[in-house]
Amino acid sequence: MKRITLNVDVAEARDLLERVPRACLSFVDDQGPHVEPTILVVKDDCYLVGMSAAAKHPTSHQEVVLLVDDGCQFFDLRAVYVRGVVQPQDGVEGPAEGVMWFVVQPTRAVAWDYARIRASDDQS
């Protein structure tokens, strides 16, 4: 059976991780869900996330979702979604001051591209 998909291999969306148009980190605490804008640096599949020191932060080993997305029009929409656990990272020299850094250790990563909608063999 065929199904319609817009999923692509994360490697095919690698440019989103090299020139990050928008990135945010989401997590949940006792007060509910939080979504914070981030700076993202990716080196050798290591996701280094910078957040404002004044922002709400996840705790060590907390499950988080990192989303990097691009596009405004329907067929321009693309994204990389990384689910994982976060660890604070000290001693990072980044592009901005007043930033706390974290490493996201991925447990799952997917990507999609609306311009690549196509029929695919059902994998379920």
C-alpha atoms as a PDB file:
ATOM      1  CA  MET A   1       0.000   0.000   0.000  1.00  0.00           C
ATOM      2  CA  LYS A   2       1.242   3.481  -0.828  1.00  0.00           C
ATOM      3  CA  ARG A   3       1.088   6.449   1.520  1.00  0.00           C
ATOM      4  CA  ILE A   4       1.952  10.105   1.142  1.00  0.00           C
ATOM      5  CA  THR A   5       5.071  11.274   2.984  1.00  0.00           C
ATOM      6  CA  LEU A   6       7.145  14.408   3.304  1.00  0.00           C
ATOM      7  CA  ASN A   7       9.833  12.802   5.483  1.00  0.00           C
ATOM      8  CA  VAL A   8      13.425  12.987   4.266  1.00  0.00           C
ATOM      9  CA  ASP A   9      16.653  11.617   5.672  1.00  0.00           C
ATOM     10  CA  VAL A  10      18.215  14.005   8.206  1.00  0.00           C
ATOM     11  CA  ALA A  11      21.383  14.029   6.071  1.00  0.00           C
ATOM     12  CA  GLU A  12      19.339  15.551   3.222  1.00  0.00           C
ATOM     13  CA  ALA A  13      18.391  18.471   5.500  1.00  0.00           C
ATOM     14  CA  ARG A  14      21.932  18.956   6.807  1.00  0.00           C
ATOM     15  CA  ASP A  15      22.059  22.519   5.435  1.00  0.00           C
ATOM     16  CA  LEU A  16      19.430  23.511   8.028  1.00  0.00           C
ATOM     17  CA  LEU A  17      21.875  22.478  10.747  1.00  0.00           C
ATOM     18  CA  GLU A  18      24.790  24.310   9.135  1.00  0.00           C
ATOM     19  CA  ARG A  19      22.998  27.641   8.610  1.00  0.00           C
ATOM     20  CA  VAL A  20      20.278  27.651  11.237  1.00  0.00           C
ATOM     21  CA  PRO A  21      17.339  29.863  10.180  1.00  0.00           C
ATOM     22  CA  ARG A  22      15.275  29.327  13.371  1.00  0.00           C
ATOM     23  CA  ALA A  23      15.744  27.002  16.307  1.00  0.00           C
ATOM     24  CA  CYS A  24      13.880  26.410  19.548  1.00  0.00           C
ATOM     25  CA  LEU A  25      14.066  23.989  22.441  1.00  0.00           C
ATOM     26  CA  SER A  26      10.929  22.689  24.141  1.00  0.00           C
ATOM     27  CA  PHE A  27      10.615  20.937  27.483  1.00  0.00           C
ATOM     28  CA  VAL A  28       8.154  20.484  30.337  1.00  0.00           C
ATOM     29  CA  ASP A  29       8.509  21.305  34.029  1.00  0.00           C
ATOM     30  CA  ASP A  30       6.148  21.610  37.006  1.00  0.00           C
ATOM     31  CA  GLN A  31       4.721  24.824  35.545  1.00  0.00           C
ATOM     32  CA  GLY A  32       3.913  23.271  32.173  1.00  0.00           C
ATOM     33  CA  PRO A  33       5.443  23.324  28.693  1.00  0.00           C
ATOM     34  CA  HIS A  34       8.163  25.798  27.699  1.00  0.00           C
ATOM     35  CA  VAL A  35       9.550  26.743  24.297  1.00  0.00           C
ATOM     36  CA  GLU A  36      12.676  28.896  24.155  1.00  0.00           C
ATOM     37  CA  PRO A  37      14.549  30.286  21.139  1.00  0.00           C
ATOM     38  CA  THR A  38      18.096  28.976  20.872  1.00  0.00           C
ATOM     39  CA  ILE A  39      21.432  29.363  19.189  1.00  0.00           C
ATOM     40  CA  LEU A  40      22.462  26.058  17.624  1.00  0.00           C
ATOM     41  CA  VAL A  41      25.936  24.834  16.743  1.00  0.00           C
ATOM     42  CA  VAL A  42      26.240  21.335  15.256  1.00  0.00           C
ATOM     43  CA  LYS A  43      29.641  19.645  15.109  1.00  0.00           C
ATOM     44  CA  ASP A  44      30.058  15.974  14.233  1.00  0.00           C
ATOM     45  CA  ASP A  45      26.434  15.175  15.151  1.00  0.00           C
ATOM     46  CA  CYS A  46      26.837  16.932  18.517  1.00  0.00           C
ATOM     47  CA  TYR A  47      23.966  19.378  19.049  1.00  0.00           C
ATOM     48  CA  LEU A  48      25.217  22.318  21.127  1.00  0.00           C
ATOM     49  CA  VAL A  49      22.326  24.590  22.146  1.00  0.00           C
ATOM     50  CA  GLY A  50      22.730  28.098  23.563  1.00  0.00           C
ATOM     51  CA  MET A  51      19.908  29.726  25.521  1.00  0.00           C
ATOM     52  CA  SER A  52      19.645  33.151  27.098  1.00  0.00           C
ATOM     53  CA  ALA A  53      20.812  33.084  30.708  1.00  0.00           C
ATOM     54  CA  ALA A  54      17.545  34.870  31.596  1.00  0.00           C
ATOM     55  CA  ALA A  55      15.368  32.181  29.961  1.00  0.00           C
ATOM     56  CA  LYS A  56      13.781  29.156  31.601  1.00  0.00           C
ATOM     57  CA  HIS A  57      16.160  26.188  31.267  1.00  0.00           C
ATOM     58  CA  PRO A  58      15.700  22.425  31.268  1.00  0.00           C
ATOM     59  CA  THR A  59      17.285  20.399  34.052  1.00  0.00           C
ATOM     60  CA  SER A  60      20.167  17.999  33.526  1.00  0.00           C
ATOM     61  CA  HIS A  61      19.135  14.710  31.852  1.00  0.00           C
ATOM     62  CA  GLN A  62      15.697  16.123  31.016  1.00  0.00           C
ATOM     63  CA  GLU A  63      13.954  15.051  27.823  1.00  0.00           C
ATOM     64  CA  VAL A  64      13.754  17.881  25.296  1.00  0.00           C
ATOM     65  CA  VAL A  65      12.823  18.499  21.678  1.00  0.00           C
ATOM     66  CA  LEU A  66      15.001  20.648  19.445  1.00  0.00           C
ATOM     67  CA  LEU A  67      13.318  21.999  16.316  1.00  0.00           C
ATOM     68  CA  VAL A  68      15.133  23.741  13.472  1.00  0.00           C
ATOM     69  CA  ASP A  69      12.804  25.018  10.781  1.00  0.00           C
ATOM     70  CA  ASP A  70      12.783  27.163   7.665  1.00  0.00           C
ATOM     71  CA  GLY A  71      10.274  28.536   5.200  1.00  0.00           C
ATOM     72  CA  CYS A  72       7.128  30.635   5.179  1.00  0.00           C
ATOM     73  CA  GLN A  73       5.172  29.341   2.200  1.00  0.00           C
ATOM     74  CA  PHE A  74       3.761  25.796   2.138  1.00  0.00           C
ATOM     75  CA  PHE A  75       6.292  24.260  -0.258  1.00  0.00           C
ATOM     76  CA  ASP A  76       9.185  26.097   1.449  1.00  0.00           C
ATOM     77  CA  LEU A  77       8.554  24.483   4.860  1.00  0.00           C
ATOM     78  CA  ARG A  78      11.402  22.240   6.018  1.00  0.00           C
ATOM     79  CA  ALA A  79      12.530  21.114   9.450  1.00  0.00           C
ATOM     80  CA  VAL A  80      14.794  18.906  11.522  1.00  0.00           C
ATOM     81  CA  TYR A  81      13.310  17.548  14.761  1.00  0.00           C
ATOM     82  CA  VAL A  82      15.645  16.103  17.395  1.00  0.00           C
ATOM     83  CA  ARG A  83      14.323  14.428  20.536  1.00  0.00           C
ATOM     84  CA  GLY A  84      16.841  13.682  23.241  1.00  0.00           C
ATOM     85  CA  VAL A  85      18.169  14.420  26.695  1.00  0.00           C
ATOM     86  CA  VAL A  86      20.029  17.554  27.656  1.00  0.00           C
ATOM     87  CA  GLN A  87      23.211  18.141  29.647  1.00  0.00           C
ATOM     88  CA  PRO A  88      24.584  21.551  30.715  1.00  0.00           C
ATOM     89  CA  GLN A  89      27.891  22.336  29.011  1.00  0.00           C
ATOM     90  CA  ASP A  90      30.464  24.605  30.639  1.00  0.00           C
ATOM     91  CA  GLY A  91      33.389  26.371  29.007  1.00  0.00           C
ATOM     92  CA  VAL A  92      31.802  26.994  25.617  1.00  0.00           C
ATOM     93  CA  GLU A  93      33.004  30.030  23.724  1.00  0.00           C
ATOM     94  CA  GLY A  94      30.101  30.924  21.490  1.00  0.00           C
ATOM     95  CA  PRO A  95      28.966  33.728  19.234  1.00  0.00           C
ATOM     96  CA  ALA A  96      27.094  35.559  22.021  1.00  0.00           C
ATOM     97  CA  GLU A  97      27.518  36.516  25.677  1.00  0.00           C
ATOM     98  CA  GLY A  98      24.948  35.889  28.419  1.00  0.00           C
ATOM     99  CA  VAL A  99      24.244  32.436  27.030  1.00  0.00           C
ATOM    100  CA  MET A 100      23.996  29.105  28.866  1.00  0.00           C
ATOM    101  CA  TRP A 101      25.040  26.126  26.766  1.00  0.00           C
ATOM    102  CA  PHE A 102      23.614  22.608  26.690  1.00  0.00           C
ATOM    103  CA  VAL A 103      24.372  19.456  24.724  1.00  0.00           C
ATOM    104  CA  VAL A 104      21.370  17.576  23.345  1.00  0.00           C
ATOM    105  CA  GLN A 105      22.115  13.851  23.176  1.00  0.00           C
ATOM    106  CA  PRO A 106      19.707  12.643  20.483  1.00  0.00           C
ATOM    107  CA  THR A 107      17.498   9.612  20.935  1.00  0.00           C
ATOM    108  CA  ARG A 108      15.556  10.263  17.721  1.00  0.00           C
ATOM    109  CA  ALA A 109      15.925  12.617  14.767  1.00  0.00           C
ATOM    110  CA  VAL A 110      13.631  13.141  11.795  1.00  0.00           C
ATOM    111  CA  ALA A 111      13.407  15.682   9.009  1.00  0.00           C
ATOM    112  CA  TRP A 112      10.731  16.776   6.585  1.00  0.00           C
ATOM    113  CA  ASP A 113      10.460  18.885   3.456  1.00  0.00           C
ATOM    114  CA  TYR A 114       7.075  19.901   2.058  1.00  0.00           C
ATOM    115  CA  ALA A 115       8.573  20.391  -1.411  1.00  0.00           C
ATOM    116  CA  ARG A 116       9.361  16.658  -1.436  1.00  0.00           C
ATOM    117  CA  ILE A 117       5.838  15.309  -0.812  1.00  0.00           C
ATOM    118  CA  ARG A 118       5.585  11.980  -2.591  1.00  0.00           C
ATOM    119  CA  ALA A 119       3.995   8.545  -2.556  1.00  0.00           C
ATOM    120  CA  SER A 120       5.968   5.946  -0.632  1.00  0.00           C
ATOM    121  CA  ASP A 121       5.594   2.254   0.176  1.00  0.00           C
ATOM    122  CA  ASP A 122       3.789   1.870   3.498  1.00  0.00           C
ATOM    123  CA  GLN A 123       6.361   0.912   6.140  1.00  0.00           C
ATOM    124  CA  SER A 124       3.875   0.285   8.970  1.00  0.00           C
END
